[in-house]
Amino acid sequence: MNNIFFQTENLTLGYGNEIVIKDLDLSLQKNKNYEVIGKNGSGKTTLLNLLSNNFEGNTFDSDISREATNILEISHIPTLLENLTLIENVIYFTSSMNIDDEKVNSTIKKYGMLSFKNDTIKNFSSGMIKRTELAIADIKEPDVLCIDEPLNYLDKQGIDRLQNLINERTDNNKSNILSSQETSGLLKNKETVDLNEI
């Protein structure tokens, strides 16, 4: 399938009988970067949830073809377990992998979070949570990384670390899919899916 992991024609998505996305044609490849842009309510989050197998709405008999692909989504809603520490969250979300402690510690340090690794997530700021989620994504190395509103909650240092992650993934022919109201400027070579146009 020429590295295509997701393909659809006339994609229609919604909740109940309310349609959010209508008649979208889409073909996505594992080794390309994509930016999904659109105003509030245009369906950006809905589309990312569908791509990440986290969609709980109605596909209205849309014709969807997918290849088995390792996809990870960083949602605009945090997914960390707030009563666990940072390191416990990392262990929990990477439990299916054989990751050594040195790799875990070096990655947490890379995101400026090493001194907080034994602190409970419920005491973290939104920016610290986002950095922790990025560190977990870095460790897991999914084929496709989807990030909804990638710049939210990140200061300049956090944005620089996110940019480095995206650059490293791009160099390794892994796909990054970012969604925001307007271009984030994080992706150099990308295809744009403009939901304002459908």
Protein backbone atom coordinates (compact mmCIF):
# COMPACT_ATOMS: atom_id res chain seq x y z
CA MET A 1 0.00 0.00 0.00
CA ASN A 2 2.96 2.32 -0.46
CA ASN A 3 3.34 3.00 3.29
CA ILE A 4 -0.28 4.13 3.48
CA PHE A 5 -1.66 3.35 6.95
CA PHE A 6 -5.02 5.15 6.67
CA GLN A 7 -7.19 5.81 3.66
CA THR A 8 -10.76 6.98 3.27
CA GLU A 9 -13.07 8.61 0.76
CA ASN A 10 -16.10 10.69 1.68
CA LEU A 11 -15.32 10.35 5.39
CA THR A 12 -18.25 11.55 7.50
CA LEU A 13 -17.95 11.70 11.29
CA GLY A 14 -20.18 12.95 14.05
CA TYR A 15 -21.88 12.35 17.38
CA GLY A 16 -25.46 11.11 17.41
CA ASN A 17 -26.98 12.66 14.31
CA GLU A 18 -24.77 15.76 14.44
CA ILE A 19 -22.18 15.71 11.65
CA VAL A 20 -18.78 17.26 12.44
CA ILE A 21 -16.78 16.22 9.34
CA LYS A 22 -18.43 15.51 5.99
CA ASP A 23 -17.09 14.00 2.76
CA LEU A 24 -13.37 14.18 3.58
CA ASP A 25 -10.97 12.28 1.31
CA LEU A 26 -7.75 11.33 3.07
CA SER A 27 -4.70 9.16 2.44
CA LEU A 28 -1.92 9.12 5.07
CA GLN A 29 1.54 7.54 4.90
CA LYS A 30 3.76 6.35 7.77
CA ASN A 31 6.80 8.30 6.61
CA LYS A 32 5.15 11.72 6.11
CA ASN A 33 4.18 14.63 8.31
CA TYR A 34 0.68 16.12 8.37
CA GLU A 35 -0.87 19.21 9.87
CA VAL A 36 -4.60 19.28 10.52
CA ILE A 37 -5.86 22.84 10.80
CA GLY A 38 -9.31 24.26 11.33
CA LYS A 39 -11.35 26.60 13.48
CA ASN A 40 -13.00 25.48 16.71
CA GLY A 41 -15.64 22.85 16.04
CA SER A 42 -14.25 21.92 12.62
CA GLY A 43 -13.46 18.36 13.72
CA LYS A 44 -9.70 18.42 14.35
CA THR A 45 -9.90 16.48 17.61
CA THR A 46 -12.51 14.14 16.16
CA LEU A 47 -10.22 13.30 13.23
CA LEU A 48 -7.18 12.70 15.47
CA ASN A 49 -9.27 10.46 17.72
CA LEU A 50 -10.35 8.43 14.69
CA LEU A 51 -6.77 8.08 13.43
CA SER A 52 -5.65 6.99 16.91
CA ASN A 53 -8.49 4.48 17.39
CA ASN A 54 -9.92 6.63 20.21
CA PHE A 55 -13.07 7.78 18.39
CA GLU A 56 -16.38 7.02 20.12
CA GLY A 57 -18.78 8.72 17.72
CA ASN A 58 -20.56 7.77 14.50
CA THR A 59 -18.75 7.06 11.22
CA PHE A 60 -22.01 7.06 9.19
CA ASP A 61 -20.96 4.02 7.12
CA SER A 62 -17.76 5.77 5.94
CA ASP A 63 -15.40 3.59 3.92
CA ILE A 64 -12.23 3.40 6.02
CA SER A 65 -9.15 1.32 5.24
CA ARG A 66 -6.30 0.94 7.77
CA GLU A 67 -3.05 -0.92 8.06
CA ALA A 68 -1.96 -2.25 11.44
CA THR A 69 0.16 0.63 12.73
CA ASN A 70 1.61 1.67 16.08
CA ILE A 71 -0.14 5.01 16.71
CA LEU A 72 0.10 7.17 19.84
CA GLU A 73 -2.04 10.23 20.54
CA ILE A 74 -1.23 13.07 22.91
CA SER A 75 -4.68 14.53 23.46
CA HIS A 76 -5.59 18.03 24.61
CA ILE A 77 -6.97 16.18 27.66
CA PRO A 78 -4.16 14.70 29.82
CA THR A 79 -4.09 10.90 29.97
CA LEU A 80 -1.57 10.46 32.81
CA LEU A 81 -2.69 8.78 36.02
CA GLU A 82 -2.69 11.65 38.49
CA ASN A 83 -2.28 9.60 41.67
CA LEU A 84 0.92 8.00 40.38
CA THR A 85 4.37 9.60 40.23
CA LEU A 86 6.03 10.59 36.98
CA ILE A 87 8.25 7.49 36.98
CA GLU A 88 5.28 5.24 37.82
CA ASN A 89 3.39 6.70 34.85
CA VAL A 90 6.35 6.08 32.55
CA ILE A 91 6.60 2.47 33.74
CA TYR A 92 2.82 1.98 33.38
CA PHE A 93 2.62 3.36 29.83
CA THR A 94 5.72 1.51 28.62
CA SER A 95 5.04 -1.77 30.46
CA SER A 96 4.80 -3.76 27.23
CA MET A 97 8.33 -2.71 26.26
CA ASN A 98 11.66 -3.86 27.62
CA ILE A 99 13.08 -0.44 28.53
CA ASP A 100 16.11 -0.15 30.78
CA ASP A 101 16.35 2.39 33.60
CA GLU A 102 19.14 4.31 31.89
CA LYS A 103 16.98 4.96 28.82
CA VAL A 104 14.05 6.05 31.01
CA ASN A 105 16.17 8.41 33.11
CA SER A 106 18.01 9.93 30.14
CA THR A 107 14.71 10.59 28.34
CA ILE A 108 13.07 12.14 31.41
CA LYS A 109 16.18 14.32 31.79
CA LYS A 110 15.98 15.31 28.13
CA TYR A 111 12.57 16.87 28.85
CA GLY A 112 13.80 18.64 31.98
CA MET A 113 11.78 16.43 34.32
CA LEU A 114 14.38 14.26 36.07
CA SER A 115 14.19 16.12 39.39
CA PHE A 116 10.41 15.57 39.43
CA LYS A 117 10.43 11.85 38.62
CA ASN A 118 9.24 10.79 42.10
CA ASP A 119 6.61 13.54 42.36
CA THR A 120 2.91 12.82 41.99
CA ILE A 121 1.30 13.93 38.73
CA LYS A 122 -1.65 15.62 40.48
CA ASN A 123 0.80 18.27 41.73
CA PHE A 124 2.13 19.00 38.22
CA SER A 125 1.35 22.05 36.13
CA SER A 126 -0.21 21.56 32.69
CA GLY A 127 3.21 22.22 31.12
CA MET A 128 4.89 19.55 33.26
CA ILE A 129 2.18 17.05 32.32
CA LYS A 130 2.69 17.83 28.63
CA ARG A 131 6.46 17.35 28.93
CA THR A 132 5.92 14.01 30.68
CA GLU A 133 3.59 12.89 27.88
CA LEU A 134 6.22 13.90 25.31
CA ALA A 135 8.88 11.91 27.20
CA ILE A 136 6.64 8.82 27.17
CA ALA A 137 6.03 9.28 23.43
CA ASP A 138 9.78 9.60 22.90
CA ILE A 139 10.40 6.32 24.75
CA LYS A 140 7.60 4.45 22.95
CA GLU A 141 8.70 5.59 19.45
CA PRO A 142 5.34 4.98 17.71
CA ASP A 143 5.16 4.80 13.91
CA VAL A 144 2.67 7.66 14.03
CA LEU A 145 2.50 10.35 16.72
CA CYS A 146 -0.66 12.48 16.82
CA ILE A 147 -0.61 15.64 18.96
CA ASP A 148 -3.73 17.75 19.45
CA GLU A 149 -2.87 21.44 20.04
CA PRO A 150 0.89 20.74 20.29
CA LEU A 151 1.91 24.19 21.58
CA ASN A 152 -0.62 24.32 24.43
CA TYR A 153 0.94 24.64 27.91
CA LEU A 154 4.53 24.59 26.66
CA ASP A 155 7.01 27.39 27.39
CA LYS A 156 9.85 28.14 24.99
CA GLN A 157 12.04 25.34 26.41
CA GLY A 158 9.16 22.89 26.14
CA ILE A 159 8.50 23.92 22.53
CA ASP A 160 12.20 23.47 21.72
CA ARG A 161 12.10 19.94 23.16
CA LEU A 162 8.95 19.16 21.17
CA GLN A 163 10.62 20.50 18.03
CA ASN A 164 13.64 18.25 18.65
CA LEU A 165 11.37 15.23 19.07
CA ILE A 166 9.55 15.96 15.82
CA ASN A 167 12.85 16.52 13.97
CA GLU A 168 14.29 13.23 15.28
CA ARG A 169 11.14 11.35 14.31
CA THR A 170 11.11 12.94 10.85
CA ASP A 171 14.77 11.97 10.33
CA ASN A 172 13.77 8.38 11.21
CA ASN A 173 10.91 8.38 8.67
CA LYS A 174 8.22 8.33 11.33
CA SER A 175 4.97 10.24 10.89
CA ASN A 176 3.88 13.23 12.98
CA ILE A 177 0.31 14.51 12.79
CA LEU A 178 -0.34 17.83 14.53
CA SER A 179 -3.69 19.57 14.85
CA SER A 180 -4.30 23.21 15.73
CA GLN A 181 -6.34 26.22 14.64
CA GLU A 182 -3.51 27.48 12.46
CA THR A 183 -0.09 26.22 11.45
CA SER A 184 2.21 25.56 14.41
CA GLY A 185 5.43 26.04 12.44
CA LEU A 186 6.82 22.80 13.89
CA LEU A 187 6.70 20.73 10.70
CA LYS A 188 9.04 21.63 7.86
CA ASN A 189 7.96 19.15 5.17
CA LYS A 190 4.29 18.45 5.58
CA GLU A 191 0.96 18.00 3.93
CA THR A 192 -1.90 20.13 5.25
CA VAL A 193 -5.41 18.86 5.90
CA ASP A 194 -7.51 22.05 6.07
CA LEU A 195 -10.85 21.27 7.68
CA ASN A 196 -12.00 24.83 7.04
CA GLU A 197 -12.31 23.88 3.38
CA ILE A 198 -14.75 21.00 3.70
